[in-house]
Amino acid sequence: MSGHPFHDVAQMLPQQSSPLLRFGLIADPQYAPIAPNDRLDRHYAQSLGKLEAAIACFNGEPLDFVVTLGDVIDRDWENFDRVLPLYETLRHTHHILPGNHDFAVAADRLAEVHARLGMPAPYHDFLVNGVRLILTDGNEVSLFAPPLDDPRRVEAAERLAALTAAGAANAQMWNAGMSATQVAWLGERLRQAEAAGERAIVFGHYPLHPASDHNLWGAEEISALIAASPAAIGYFCGHNHAGNYGLLNGTHFVNIKGMVDTFDENAFAIVAVHADRIEITGFGREESRVLAL
């Protein structure tokens, strides 16, 4: 795999203090034993080797946890059986949140996806060293994730129709949104973090900011909610394989590049959260950044 060894990249970054926490990030492995999509430069079968390389790198680093930002598979339930065992070789705690492709399975399996990914709940949070980590589920209101007779599919169709009528760039069937219940929960978790003097980082599959045709339905509302919280320092996501970055009211919105893209270049990151900055060390196609807090 091409890309910089960690220590070469690390020498370019400031190292004055010990971080509050360090974690690994992977976005969109999208594994399937199928032919590449040459138009999109997606090489689905190559993701097993890329994931093994990322895990080997993570295993050589002191990390608090690893998060995969969705789309572990491209399609088909049986592909979970091939890719998820690789995570058992990871020596760190890992958290996987689902992407839209993780629901490209038989209808009778849709209700089992969160459990198959080892999630305690579709959205949840945990605390590490005074930093609140909040994992969201952007697939909640969609045309693909809920069971076939679930009313959230009706809500999704209505929301997509409204976005289409408004000419919204993200009016796409492969995007989705959060329920009002989850949005209220997110706001409450951010308020609790603020009250406790914690910093907060939010994770999701879909981008929120800046504007993009890949953005979550309702991204403006959710990004404003996060950026309005004094506790929130960052939001990390995948879905847009090209990657992206934006700053909103002092909160960093970082879109990690898709691992599945290109034949031989990897894409993943290690994030170190310091009191005054977030250091992102990118591997392969992923960019390295130093983001001031």
Foldseek 3Di string as FASTA:
>chain_A
DDWDQQVVLVVVDDDPDAFLFKEKEAEALAADPDCADVVQQFGRPLSQVLLLVSLVSQQVDDHQEYEYFANQHQAEPCVLVVRVVSCVPRPHHYAYAYALSLLRYDLVCLVVSCVSRVHPDNWDWDDGSQEIETEHELAPQACGRDRPPDCSNVVRVVLLVVCVVVVALQSDRRAGGDDPVRLVVVLVVLVVSVVVVGAYEYEHAFFQDDGDNRHHRVSVVSVCSQLVRPRYAEYEHERPQVWDWDADNNHIYTYWHHQRHHNPFGWMWMWGHHPFWIWIDITGPGDTDIGTD
